[in-house]
Every structure is written in C-alpha cells, then in structure tokens.
C-alpha cells in the first residue's frame, strides 16, 4: 500500500468545521470592512478612486488567519498514512512445527526411522531458536495442537519426542487440516508467524491443497525427513509447489535446519493494521505551522490605510 492509497483522516468528522470556519471568516470580513458604510452611499465606480492603499495589508492578514483556521481543522481531523510501529517489531516471529505422525514415518529409511530423524531435527530447531517462540502441531488423518508458540523451546523438543503414530486418532495424511490449525493458532497471537512441515512426503488430495492455497496467507516451508531422491520426497516437492513453499532436504550435517531458521527469521511481522491496528497520528506536524501563520495575520495597520 502506497502513502497515497493509505492516506486518510482518523477523525474525518472534524473536517466539517472547515465550512463554518470559512463562513464565519467571510462574515467577519464583511463586518470589519471599513468601507461598508460608504458602499451604501457612494457608487462603486466613484468610491474606488477615492480609496487610498486599498487595504492590501489588512486583506493579506485576513487570508493568513483563514489559512491558520483551516490548518487547525486539518490537524484536529488527524491526517495519517501509516500504521504505528508494532511493539513486537524487534521480536522474533513465531514458528509452528507441523509434524507428520502417520505410520509411514516409522519406516527405517533413513535409519533408525523417519520419525526419529524428525525428532532430532526438531531438537536442533529448538536449540537454534532458543528463547524464540516455537509451537508444535501433530497430524495424520486429523490435526492436533500440541503446544502453542512458547519461548521454552526445550519443552517443544520433549513433546515431539513423545509423539508416535499410535496416539493419533485417525490415520492418514491431512496436511491441509494441519496448516489450517497452524494458521488459526498464529492468528490468535499478537503477531504473525510461519510454519515448517516436518514430513517424509505428502499424500493429501491435491484438490485440498489447491483450495488451501487460495485461503492461506501463512508462509510455509518443508523439511523433508525421507531419503533425498525418494518418491516420497517428490510428493513433498509437488505439494510445496502447490502451496508456494520452500523445501529443505534432509542433511545430516545440519544445513537444512539452519536454512529453516534463517527463512523463519525473515518472515515479515504482521502489524495487523487491517484488522484493528492503530494509525499513526500526523496532525501534530501542522501545529508548528499554525503559530507563525496566526502571527502573520496580526499586522499593525498604517494610519489611514484602507480609509477613503
């Protein structure tokens, strides 16, 4: 959104005072006209040559006063074009771990199992993001919140170590439900975040993922825990393309986790301006202009100025 698109007034009703201000100024001008009495007695074409100085100084002062009034009205109306900085702007953005817990995660390639590799990677994530918000969702044929974003990342690693396919109520692969749950949890927090899917592959219906793409604004990335080049990894790549997500392949040395952490750290912090954020008041910048304009309107009139 550009400055011109975002420009508006916080209290636009105050702009209605502009019309009365102009009207009062016009009436005041009429009442203060030193020639008002003569205009009723002398024809305009005869009066004009008799005027000395033509009241130019008084006229300029009057216009300066009107300008000051209008500036004050605009200032009170609260012009603005940008949101107040988020109090969380310097804080780390939350990251939701979306862990697949279906039976396929117990396969022993890579050893000892895909699920064990996932737990180790989550432990590395918890260590790398120590003190930064980290949450956990487990999914199979259904999705369940295990932990909302917490700064105690060690507890996230411990909870992930307890998740096994046997505790999931419904077998299957409903990644769409898991990502919707992650978006819901993050939407309830003070700031936006992102999600990382830790899975060996994706068996969710393509139509469900395509529908999810149209409604999901949550940044997503994938951390594959299947052997690179496997058919499961290819299904994960296809899902990532559908969702516009990045993919990190399994790497025993740890660059995959570092890439996930780096990408999560660059997720923009949503200021939630469109859903109730506060706009930054800019009217006070006009206040210093009002004082000199008002002073310019007070000009000492020279003797005989404006008199016939």
C-alpha atoms as a PDB file:
ATOM      1  CA  UNK A   1       0.000   0.000   0.000  1.00  0.00           C
ATOM      2  CA  UNK A   2       1.461   3.355  -1.058  1.00  0.00           C
ATOM      3  CA  UNK A   3       1.285   6.522   1.009  1.00  0.00           C
ATOM      4  CA  UNK A   4      -1.399   7.956  -1.295  1.00  0.00           C
ATOM      5  CA  UNK A   5      -3.506   4.805  -1.057  1.00  0.00           C
ATOM      6  CA  UNK A   6      -3.245   4.747   2.731  1.00  0.00           C
ATOM      7  CA  UNK A   7      -3.813   8.472   3.312  1.00  0.00           C
ATOM      8  CA  UNK A   8      -6.983   9.197   5.285  1.00  0.00           C
ATOM      9  CA  UNK A   9      -8.205  11.074   8.353  1.00  0.00           C
ATOM     10  CA  UNK A  10      -8.567   9.402  11.750  1.00  0.00           C
ATOM     11  CA  UNK A  11     -11.369  11.797  12.744  1.00  0.00           C
ATOM     12  CA  UNK A  12     -12.849  12.898   9.403  1.00  0.00           C
ATOM     13  CA  UNK A  13     -15.964  14.403  11.024  1.00  0.00           C
ATOM     14  CA  UNK A  14     -13.846  17.335  12.207  1.00  0.00           C
ATOM     15  CA  UNK A  15     -13.371  18.391   8.591  1.00  0.00           C
ATOM     16  CA  UNK A  16     -16.982  19.567   8.660  1.00  0.00           C
ATOM     17  CA  UNK A  17     -15.713  22.531  10.704  1.00  0.00           C
ATOM     18  CA  UNK A  18     -13.988  23.881   7.594  1.00  0.00           C
ATOM     19  CA  UNK A  19     -17.273  25.149   6.119  1.00  0.00           C
ATOM     20  CA  UNK A  20     -18.329  27.083   9.283  1.00  0.00           C
ATOM     21  CA  UNK A  21     -14.790  28.461   9.576  1.00  0.00           C
ATOM     22  CA  UNK A  22     -14.914  29.844   6.041  1.00  0.00           C
ATOM     23  CA  UNK A  23     -18.426  31.195   6.624  1.00  0.00           C
ATOM     24  CA  UNK A  24     -17.507  32.941   9.857  1.00  0.00           C
ATOM     25  CA  UNK A  25     -14.392  34.358   8.248  1.00  0.00           C
ATOM     26  CA  UNK A  26     -16.454  35.777   5.394  1.00  0.00           C
ATOM     27  CA  UNK A  27     -18.984  37.358   7.782  1.00  0.00           C
ATOM     28  CA  UNK A  28     -16.163  38.794   9.878  1.00  0.00           C
ATOM     29  CA  UNK A  29     -14.616  40.259   6.767  1.00  0.00           C
ATOM     30  CA  UNK A  30     -17.874  41.922   5.862  1.00  0.00           C
ATOM     31  CA  UNK A  31     -18.353  43.374   9.350  1.00  0.00           C
ATOM     32  CA  UNK A  32     -14.774  44.630   9.564  1.00  0.00           C
ATOM     33  CA  UNK A  33     -14.827  46.304   6.148  1.00  0.00           C
ATOM     34  CA  UNK A  34     -14.069  49.997   6.848  1.00  0.00           C
ATOM     35  CA  UNK A  35     -15.831  50.947   3.621  1.00  0.00           C
ATOM     36  CA  UNK A  36     -19.067  49.124   4.394  1.00  0.00           C
ATOM     37  CA  UNK A  37     -20.894  52.350   5.324  1.00  0.00           C
ATOM     38  CA  UNK A  38     -19.579  54.241   2.302  1.00  0.00           C
ATOM     39  CA  UNK A  39     -20.565  51.465  -0.087  1.00  0.00           C
ATOM     40  CA  UNK A  40     -24.211  52.172   0.702  1.00  0.00           C
ATOM     41  CA  UNK A  41     -23.766  55.892  -0.005  1.00  0.00           C
ATOM     42  CA  UNK A  42     -21.399  56.051  -2.977  1.00  0.00           C
ATOM     43  CA  UNK A  43     -21.497  54.178  -6.235  1.00  0.00           C
ATOM     44  CA  UNK A  44     -18.670  51.610  -6.594  1.00  0.00           C
ATOM     45  CA  UNK A  45     -17.194  53.295  -9.666  1.00  0.00           C
ATOM     46  CA  UNK A  46     -16.919  56.561  -7.714  1.00  0.00           C
ATOM     47  CA  UNK A  47     -15.753  55.031  -4.437  1.00  0.00           C
ATOM     48  CA  UNK A  48     -12.892  53.048  -5.936  1.00  0.00           C
ATOM     49  CA  UNK A  49     -10.772  56.090  -6.973  1.00  0.00           C
ATOM     50  CA  UNK A  50     -11.185  57.583  -3.510  1.00  0.00           C
ATOM     51  CA  UNK A  51      -9.669  54.620  -1.646  1.00  0.00           C
ATOM     52  CA  UNK A  52      -6.054  55.041  -0.539  1.00  0.00           C
ATOM     53  CA  UNK A  53      -3.967  51.873  -0.071  1.00  0.00           C
ATOM     54  CA  UNK A  54      -6.932  49.636  -0.883  1.00  0.00           C
ATOM     55  CA  UNK A  55      -6.461  47.745   2.428  1.00  0.00           C
ATOM     56  CA  UNK A  56      -3.992  45.271   0.886  1.00  0.00           C
ATOM     57  CA  UNK A  57      -2.218  44.692   4.208  1.00  0.00           C
ATOM     58  CA  UNK A  58      -5.460  44.005   6.034  1.00  0.00           C
ATOM     59  CA  UNK A  59      -6.563  41.695   3.232  1.00  0.00           C
ATOM     60  CA  UNK A  60      -3.353  39.656   3.449  1.00  0.00           C
ATOM     61  CA  UNK A  61      -3.685  39.378   7.217  1.00  0.00           C
ATOM     62  CA  UNK A  62      -7.237  38.129   6.853  1.00  0.00           C
ATOM     63  CA  UNK A  63      -6.146  35.458   4.408  1.00  0.00           C
ATOM     64  CA  UNK A  64      -3.369  34.356   6.763  1.00  0.00           C
ATOM     65  CA  UNK A  65      -5.939  33.989   9.549  1.00  0.00           C
ATOM     66  CA  UNK A  66      -8.195  31.866   7.361  1.00  0.00           C
ATOM     67  CA  UNK A  67      -5.222  29.676   6.471  1.00  0.00           C
ATOM     68  CA  UNK A  68      -4.460  29.171  10.174  1.00  0.00           C
ATOM     69  CA  UNK A  69      -8.051  28.166  10.873  1.00  0.00           C
ATOM     70  CA  UNK A  70      -8.067  25.602   8.061  1.00  0.00           C
ATOM     71  CA  UNK A  71      -4.701  24.169   9.131  1.00  0.00           C
ATOM     72  CA  UNK A  72      -6.049  23.748  12.655  1.00  0.00           C
ATOM     73  CA  UNK A  73      -9.126  21.928  11.340  1.00  0.00           C
ATOM     74  CA  UNK A  74      -6.976  19.546   9.285  1.00  0.00           C
ATOM     75  CA  UNK A  75      -4.670  18.909  12.265  1.00  0.00           C
ATOM     76  CA  UNK A  76      -7.582  18.074  14.567  1.00  0.00           C
ATOM     77  CA  UNK A  77      -9.049  15.714  11.920  1.00  0.00           C
ATOM     78  CA  UNK A  78      -5.904  13.588  12.256  1.00  0.00           C
ATOM     79  CA  UNK A  79      -4.312  13.062   8.833  1.00  0.00           C
ATOM     80  CA  UNK A  80      -2.410   9.793   8.618  1.00  0.00           C
ATOM     81  CA  UNK A  81      -0.930   7.435   6.054  1.00  0.00           C
ATOM     82  CA  UNK A  82       0.997   4.872   8.056  1.00  0.00           C
ATOM     83  CA  UNK A  83       0.467   2.465  10.941  1.00  0.00           C
ATOM     84  CA  UNK A  84       2.119   2.803  14.302  1.00  0.00           C
ATOM     85  CA  UNK A  85       5.184   0.559  14.581  1.00  0.00           C
ATOM     86  CA  UNK A  86       4.371  -2.815  16.054  1.00  0.00           C
ATOM     87  CA  UNK A  87       5.594  -3.225  19.648  1.00  0.00           C
ATOM     88  CA  UNK A  88       6.784  -6.651  18.512  1.00  0.00           C
ATOM     89  CA  UNK A  89       8.778  -5.311  15.557  1.00  0.00           C
ATOM     90  CA  UNK A  90      12.096  -6.233  17.165  1.00  0.00           C
ATOM     91  CA  UNK A  91      10.816  -9.551  18.464  1.00  0.00           C
ATOM     92  CA  UNK A  92      11.269 -12.955  16.832  1.00  0.00           C
ATOM     93  CA  UNK A  93       8.347 -14.196  14.773  1.00  0.00           C
ATOM     94  CA  UNK A  94       6.672 -17.417  15.945  1.00  0.00           C
ATOM     95  CA  UNK A  95       7.370 -20.655  14.118  1.00  0.00           C
ATOM     96  CA  UNK A  96       4.872 -23.525  14.176  1.00  0.00           C
ATOM     97  CA  UNK A  97       6.331 -27.002  13.668  1.00  0.00           C
ATOM     98  CA  UNK A  98       3.828 -29.205  11.830  1.00  0.00           C
ATOM     99  CA  UNK A  99       4.940 -32.789  12.443  1.00  0.00           C
ATOM    100  CA  UNK A 100       3.573 -35.667  10.430  1.00  0.00           C
ATOM    101  CA  UNK A 101       2.834 -38.657  12.680  1.00  0.00           C
ATOM    102  CA  UNK A 102       1.403 -41.240  10.272  1.00  0.00           C
ATOM    103  CA  UNK A 103       2.623 -44.834  10.027  1.00  0.00           C
ATOM    104  CA  UNK A 104       4.853 -44.017   7.049  1.00  0.00           C
ATOM    105  CA  UNK A 105       7.076 -42.015   9.421  1.00  0.00           C
ATOM    106  CA  UNK A 106       8.159 -45.276  11.122  1.00  0.00           C
ATOM    107  CA  UNK A 107       9.894 -46.603   8.016  1.00  0.00           C
ATOM    108  CA  UNK A 108      13.634 -47.228   8.595  1.00  0.00           C
ATOM    109  CA  UNK A 109      14.913 -45.220   5.659  1.00  0.00           C
ATOM    110  CA  UNK A 110      16.851 -43.283   6.733  1.00  0.00           C
ATOM    111  CA  UNK A 111      17.842 -45.203   9.857  1.00  0.00           C
ATOM    112  CA  UNK A 112      16.772 -45.540  12.569  1.00  0.00           C
ATOM    113  CA  UNK A 113      13.416 -44.194  11.282  1.00  0.00           C
ATOM    114  CA  UNK A 114      11.969 -41.146   9.606  1.00  0.00           C
ATOM    115  CA  UNK A 115      10.163 -40.193  12.796  1.00  0.00           C
ATOM    116  CA  UNK A 116      13.359 -40.403  14.813  1.00  0.00           C
ATOM    117  CA  UNK A 117      15.098 -38.205  12.256  1.00  0.00           C
ATOM    118  CA  UNK A 118      12.226 -35.753  12.568  1.00  0.00           C
ATOM    119  CA  UNK A 119      12.625 -35.673  16.364  1.00  0.00           C
ATOM    120  CA  UNK A 120      16.340 -34.983  16.032  1.00  0.00           C
ATOM    121  CA  UNK A 121      15.705 -32.164  13.574  1.00  0.00           C
ATOM    122  CA  UNK A 122      13.076 -30.673  15.886  1.00  0.00           C
ATOM    123  CA  UNK A 123      15.568 -30.825  18.745  1.00  0.00           C
ATOM    124  CA  UNK A 124      18.046 -28.942  16.548  1.00  0.00           C
ATOM    125  CA  UNK A 125      15.356 -26.374  15.710  1.00  0.00           C
ATOM    126  CA  UNK A 126      14.561 -25.940  19.391  1.00  0.00           C
ATOM    127  CA  UNK A 127      18.220 -25.334  20.156  1.00  0.00           C
ATOM    128  CA  UNK A 128      18.694 -22.932  17.258  1.00  0.00           C
ATOM    129  CA  UNK A 129      15.604 -20.926  18.259  1.00  0.00           C
ATOM    130  CA  UNK A 130      16.214 -20.948  21.993  1.00  0.00           C
ATOM    131  CA  UNK A 131      14.183 -18.194  23.603  1.00  0.00           C
ATOM    132  CA  UNK A 132      12.165 -17.566  20.427  1.00  0.00           C
ATOM    133  CA  UNK A 133       8.507 -18.595  20.020  1.00  0.00           C
ATOM    134  CA  UNK A 134       8.147 -22.176  18.829  1.00  0.00           C
ATOM    135  CA  UNK A 135       4.960 -24.248  18.642  1.00  0.00           C
ATOM    136  CA  UNK A 136       4.040 -27.798  17.705  1.00  0.00           C
ATOM    137  CA  UNK A 137       1.178 -29.447  15.821  1.00  0.00           C
ATOM    138  CA  UNK A 138       0.928 -33.201  15.145  1.00  0.00           C
ATOM    139  CA  UNK A 139      -1.107 -34.548  12.271  1.00  0.00           C
ATOM    140  CA  UNK A 140      -2.073 -37.709  10.452  1.00  0.00           C
ATOM    141  CA  UNK A 141      -5.693 -38.106   9.317  1.00  0.00           C
ATOM    142  CA  UNK A 142      -6.520 -35.310  11.772  1.00  0.00           C
ATOM    143  CA  UNK A 143      -4.572 -32.369  13.165  1.00  0.00           C
ATOM    144  CA  UNK A 144      -3.970 -31.541  16.830  1.00  0.00           C
ATOM    145  CA  UNK A 145      -2.314 -28.660  18.639  1.00  0.00           C
ATOM    146  CA  UNK A 146       0.368 -29.974  20.985  1.00  0.00           C
ATOM    147  CA  UNK A 147       1.860 -26.660  22.103  1.00  0.00           C
ATOM    148  CA  UNK A 148       1.114 -23.068  21.115  1.00  0.00           C
ATOM    149  CA  UNK A 149       4.183 -20.879  20.464  1.00  0.00           C
ATOM    150  CA  UNK A 150       6.355 -20.790  23.577  1.00  0.00           C
ATOM    151  CA  UNK A 151       9.799 -19.431  24.366  1.00  0.00           C
ATOM    152  CA  UNK A 152      10.589 -22.604  26.271  1.00  0.00           C
ATOM    153  CA  UNK A 153      11.759 -24.377  23.147  1.00  0.00           C
ATOM    154  CA  UNK A 154      13.182 -27.303  25.114  1.00  0.00           C
ATOM    155  CA  UNK A 155       9.677 -28.407  26.082  1.00  0.00           C
ATOM    156  CA  UNK A 156       8.730 -28.439  22.394  1.00  0.00           C
ATOM    157  CA  UNK A 157      11.548 -30.901  21.683  1.00  0.00           C
ATOM    158  CA  UNK A 158      10.464 -33.063  24.631  1.00  0.00           C
ATOM    159  CA  UNK A 159       6.844 -33.139  23.493  1.00  0.00           C
ATOM    160  CA  UNK A 160       7.864 -34.002  19.928  1.00  0.00           C
ATOM    161  CA  UNK A 161       9.826 -36.970  21.292  1.00  0.00           C
ATOM    162  CA  UNK A 162       6.597 -38.406  22.730  1.00  0.00           C
ATOM    163  CA  UNK A 163       4.573 -38.288  19.523  1.00  0.00           C
ATOM    164  CA  UNK A 164       4.069 -41.640  17.784  1.00  0.00           C
ATOM    165  CA  UNK A 165       1.541 -42.798  15.164  1.00  0.00           C
ATOM    166  CA  UNK A 166      -0.210 -44.983  17.737  1.00  0.00           C
ATOM    167  CA  UNK A 167      -1.556 -41.968  19.625  1.00  0.00           C
ATOM    168  CA  UNK A 168      -3.097 -40.364  16.548  1.00  0.00           C
ATOM    169  CA  UNK A 169      -6.856 -40.981  16.480  1.00  0.00           C
ATOM    170  CA  UNK A 170      -7.181 -41.111  12.683  1.00  0.00           C
ATOM    171  CA  UNK A 171      -4.570 -42.488  10.276  1.00  0.00           C
ATOM    172  CA  UNK A 172      -3.892 -40.707   7.001  1.00  0.00           C
ATOM    173  CA  UNK A 173      -2.341 -37.507   5.715  1.00  0.00           C
ATOM    174  CA  UNK A 174      -4.395 -34.337   6.140  1.00  0.00           C
ATOM    175  CA  UNK A 175      -1.746 -31.695   5.762  1.00  0.00           C
ATOM    176  CA  UNK A 176      -4.478 -29.217   4.827  1.00  0.00           C
ATOM    177  CA  UNK A 177      -6.084 -29.575   8.275  1.00  0.00           C
ATOM    178  CA  UNK A 178      -2.716 -29.188   9.993  1.00  0.00           C
ATOM    179  CA  UNK A 179      -1.866 -25.964   8.157  1.00  0.00           C
ATOM    180  CA  UNK A 180      -5.311 -24.534   8.859  1.00  0.00           C
ATOM    181  CA  UNK A 181      -4.769 -25.279  12.542  1.00  0.00           C
ATOM    182  CA  UNK A 182      -1.346 -23.600  12.439  1.00  0.00           C
ATOM    183  CA  UNK A 183      -2.872 -20.519  10.806  1.00  0.00           C
ATOM    184  CA  UNK A 184      -5.624 -20.416  13.438  1.00  0.00           C
ATOM    185  CA  UNK A 185      -3.172 -20.610  16.337  1.00  0.00           C
ATOM    186  CA  UNK A 186      -0.929 -17.892  14.923  1.00  0.00           C
ATOM    187  CA  UNK A 187      -3.905 -15.654  14.158  1.00  0.00           C
ATOM    188  CA  UNK A 188      -4.823 -15.695  17.852  1.00  0.00           C
ATOM    189  CA  UNK A 189      -1.370 -14.454  18.864  1.00  0.00           C
ATOM    190  CA  UNK A 190      -0.058 -10.888  18.938  1.00  0.00           C
ATOM    191  CA  UNK A 191       1.876 -11.245  15.685  1.00  0.00           C
ATOM    192  CA  UNK A 192       2.057 -13.345  12.548  1.00  0.00           C
ATOM    193  CA  UNK A 193       4.479 -16.190  12.006  1.00  0.00           C
ATOM    194  CA  UNK A 194       5.224 -19.097   9.723  1.00  0.00           C
ATOM    195  CA  UNK A 195       5.076 -22.885   9.668  1.00  0.00           C
ATOM    196  CA  UNK A 196       7.554 -25.614   8.871  1.00  0.00           C
ATOM    197  CA  UNK A 197       6.184 -29.017   7.882  1.00  0.00           C
ATOM    198  CA  UNK A 198       8.414 -31.874   9.033  1.00  0.00           C
ATOM    199  CA  UNK A 199       7.338 -34.879   6.969  1.00  0.00           C
ATOM    200  CA  UNK A 200       8.541 -37.665   4.743  1.00  0.00           C
ATOM    201  CA  UNK A 201       6.036 -36.907   1.996  1.00  0.00           C
ATOM    202  CA  UNK A 202       2.556 -35.627   1.251  1.00  0.00           C
ATOM    203  CA  UNK A 203      -0.406 -37.863   0.428  1.00  0.00           C
ATOM    204  CA  UNK A 204      -3.064 -35.180   0.852  1.00  0.00           C
ATOM    205  CA  UNK A 205      -5.518 -34.782  -2.025  1.00  0.00           C
ATOM    206  CA  UNK A 206      -4.126 -32.198  -4.485  1.00  0.00           C
ATOM    207  CA  UNK A 207      -7.540 -30.520  -4.675  1.00  0.00           C
ATOM    208  CA  UNK A 208      -7.499 -29.966  -0.909  1.00  0.00           C
ATOM    209  CA  UNK A 209      -4.074 -28.330  -1.117  1.00  0.00           C
ATOM    210  CA  UNK A 210      -5.130 -26.230  -4.082  1.00  0.00           C
ATOM    211  CA  UNK A 211      -8.155 -24.977  -2.152  1.00  0.00           C
ATOM    212  CA  UNK A 212      -5.908 -24.276   0.823  1.00  0.00           C
ATOM    213  CA  UNK A 213      -3.573 -22.165  -1.307  1.00  0.00           C
ATOM    214  CA  UNK A 214      -6.387 -19.771  -2.085  1.00  0.00           C
ATOM    215  CA  UNK A 215      -7.204 -19.057   1.572  1.00  0.00           C
ATOM    216  CA  UNK A 216      -3.873 -19.496   3.343  1.00  0.00           C
ATOM    217  CA  UNK A 217      -1.681 -16.448   3.933  1.00  0.00           C
ATOM    218  CA  UNK A 218       0.661 -18.343   6.253  1.00  0.00           C
ATOM    219  CA  UNK A 219       4.256 -18.666   4.954  1.00  0.00           C
ATOM    220  CA  UNK A 220       5.114 -22.374   4.778  1.00  0.00           C
ATOM    221  CA  UNK A 221       8.314 -24.324   4.296  1.00  0.00           C
ATOM    222  CA  UNK A 222       9.012 -28.061   4.260  1.00  0.00           C
ATOM    223  CA  UNK A 223      11.748 -30.026   5.988  1.00  0.00           C
ATOM    224  CA  UNK A 224      11.965 -33.436   4.362  1.00  0.00           C
ATOM    225  CA  UNK A 225      12.927 -36.410   6.525  1.00  0.00           C
ATOM    226  CA  UNK A 226      12.825 -39.054   3.784  1.00  0.00           C
ATOM    227  CA  UNK A 227      15.892 -40.061   1.792  1.00  0.00           C
ATOM    228  CA  UNK A 228      16.687 -37.429  -0.854  1.00  0.00           C
ATOM    229  CA  UNK A 229      15.507 -38.530  -4.285  1.00  0.00           C
ATOM    230  CA  UNK A 230      12.852 -40.915  -2.939  1.00  0.00           C
ATOM    231  CA  UNK A 231       9.317 -40.947  -4.337  1.00  0.00           C
ATOM    232  CA  UNK A 232       8.038 -39.523  -1.055  1.00  0.00           C
ATOM    233  CA  UNK A 233      10.312 -36.519  -1.420  1.00  0.00           C
ATOM    234  CA  UNK A 234       8.891 -35.866  -4.879  1.00  0.00           C
ATOM    235  CA  UNK A 235       5.331 -35.784  -3.495  1.00  0.00           C
ATOM    236  CA  UNK A 236       6.558 -33.277  -0.961  1.00  0.00           C
ATOM    237  CA  UNK A 237       8.050 -31.122  -3.729  1.00  0.00           C
ATOM    238  CA  UNK A 238       4.743 -31.186  -5.621  1.00  0.00           C
ATOM    239  CA  UNK A 239       2.850 -30.093  -2.510  1.00  0.00           C
ATOM    240  CA  UNK A 240       5.375 -27.316  -1.922  1.00  0.00           C
ATOM    241  CA  UNK A 241       4.873 -26.010  -5.461  1.00  0.00           C
ATOM    242  CA  UNK A 242       1.114 -26.012  -4.952  1.00  0.00           C
ATOM    243  CA  UNK A 243       1.455 -24.036  -1.719  1.00  0.00           C
ATOM    244  CA  UNK A 244       4.248 -21.767  -2.926  1.00  0.00           C
ATOM    245  CA  UNK A 245       6.531 -23.158  -0.232  1.00  0.00           C
ATOM    246  CA  UNK A 246      10.257 -23.817   0.033  1.00  0.00           C
ATOM    247  CA  UNK A 247      11.744 -27.285   0.590  1.00  0.00           C
ATOM    248  CA  UNK A 248      14.801 -28.272   2.584  1.00  0.00           C
ATOM    249  CA  UNK A 249      16.055 -31.802   2.039  1.00  0.00           C
ATOM    250  CA  UNK A 250      17.422 -33.956   4.829  1.00  0.00           C
ATOM    251  CA  UNK A 251      21.062 -33.233   5.621  1.00  0.00           C
ATOM    252  CA  UNK A 252      22.783 -34.994   8.476  1.00  0.00           C
ATOM    253  CA  UNK A 253      25.258 -32.146   8.925  1.00  0.00           C
ATOM    254  CA  UNK A 254      22.569 -29.596   9.804  1.00  0.00           C
ATOM    255  CA  UNK A 255      22.472 -27.010   6.967  1.00  0.00           C
ATOM    256  CA  UNK A 256      18.803 -27.907   6.451  1.00  0.00           C
ATOM    257  CA  UNK A 257      17.888 -26.734   9.957  1.00  0.00           C
ATOM    258  CA  UNK A 258      19.977 -23.587   9.579  1.00  0.00           C
ATOM    259  CA  UNK A 259      18.134 -22.753   6.350  1.00  0.00           C
ATOM    260  CA  UNK A 260      14.736 -23.272   8.033  1.00  0.00           C
ATOM    261  CA  UNK A 261      15.721 -20.998  10.934  1.00  0.00           C
ATOM    262  CA  UNK A 262      17.058 -18.330   8.597  1.00  0.00           C
ATOM    263  CA  UNK A 263      13.912 -18.351   6.461  1.00  0.00           C
ATOM    264  CA  UNK A 264      11.649 -18.214   9.518  1.00  0.00           C
ATOM    265  CA  UNK A 265      13.606 -15.236  10.866  1.00  0.00           C
ATOM    266  CA  UNK A 266      12.899 -13.229   7.703  1.00  0.00           C
ATOM    267  CA  UNK A 267       9.129 -13.749   7.862  1.00  0.00           C
ATOM    268  CA  UNK A 268       7.550 -10.260   7.893  1.00  0.00           C
ATOM    269  CA  UNK A 269       5.908  -9.256  11.176  1.00  0.00           C
ATOM    270  CA  UNK A 270       2.241  -8.546  10.502  1.00  0.00           C
ATOM    271  CA  UNK A 271       1.160  -5.335  12.168  1.00  0.00           C
ATOM    272  CA  UNK A 272      -2.485  -6.303  11.923  1.00  0.00           C
ATOM    273  CA  UNK A 273      -3.358  -2.816  10.729  1.00  0.00           C
ATOM    274  CA  UNK A 274      -6.139  -4.120   8.516  1.00  0.00           C
ATOM    275  CA  UNK A 275      -7.753  -5.862  11.464  1.00  0.00           C
ATOM    276  CA  UNK A 276      -7.612  -3.178  14.097  1.00  0.00           C
ATOM    277  CA  UNK A 277      -4.075  -1.750  14.117  1.00  0.00           C
ATOM    278  CA  UNK A 278      -3.587   1.864  15.203  1.00  0.00           C
ATOM    279  CA  UNK A 279      -2.772   4.524  12.630  1.00  0.00           C
ATOM    280  CA  UNK A 280      -0.009   6.951  13.429  1.00  0.00           C
ATOM    281  CA  UNK A 281      -1.242  10.489  14.154  1.00  0.00           C
ATOM    282  CA  UNK A 282       0.354  13.059  11.817  1.00  0.00           C
ATOM    283  CA  UNK A 283      -1.766  16.129  12.549  1.00  0.00           C
ATOM    284  CA  UNK A 284       0.623  17.390  15.204  1.00  0.00           C
ATOM    285  CA  UNK A 285       3.140  18.203  12.443  1.00  0.00           C
ATOM    286  CA  UNK A 286       0.784  21.002  11.357  1.00  0.00           C
ATOM    287  CA  UNK A 287       0.674  22.608  14.808  1.00  0.00           C
ATOM    288  CA  UNK A 288       4.056  24.404  14.458  1.00  0.00           C
ATOM    289  CA  UNK A 289       2.771  25.906  11.206  1.00  0.00           C
ATOM    290  CA  UNK A 290      -0.351  27.370  12.809  1.00  0.00           C
ATOM    291  CA  UNK A 291       1.535  29.692  15.211  1.00  0.00           C
ATOM    292  CA  UNK A 292       3.580  31.626  12.596  1.00  0.00           C
ATOM    293  CA  UNK A 293       0.563  31.837  10.299  1.00  0.00           C
ATOM    294  CA  UNK A 294      -1.523  33.351  13.113  1.00  0.00           C
ATOM    295  CA  UNK A 295       1.283  35.808  13.911  1.00  0.00           C
ATOM    296  CA  UNK A 296       1.449  36.810  10.260  1.00  0.00           C
ATOM    297  CA  UNK A 297      -2.252  37.682  10.416  1.00  0.00           C
ATOM    298  CA  UNK A 298      -1.614  40.312  13.146  1.00  0.00           C
ATOM    299  CA  UNK A 299      -0.137  43.202  11.223  1.00  0.00           C
ATOM    300  CA  UNK A 300      -0.105  46.754  12.521  1.00  0.00           C
ATOM    301  CA  UNK A 301      -2.164  48.874  10.182  1.00  0.00           C
ATOM    302  CA  UNK A 302      -0.639  52.091   8.976  1.00  0.00           C
ATOM    303  CA  UNK A 303      -2.504  55.322   9.634  1.00  0.00           C
ATOM    304  CA  UNK A 304      -5.103  55.953   7.006  1.00  0.00           C
ATOM    305  CA  UNK A 305      -4.720  52.530   5.437  1.00  0.00           C
ATOM    306  CA  UNK A 306      -7.972  51.465   3.913  1.00  0.00           C
ATOM    307  CA  UNK A 307      -9.624  54.840   4.592  1.00  0.00           C
ATOM    308  CA  UNK A 308     -11.273  56.830   1.811  1.00  0.00           C
END
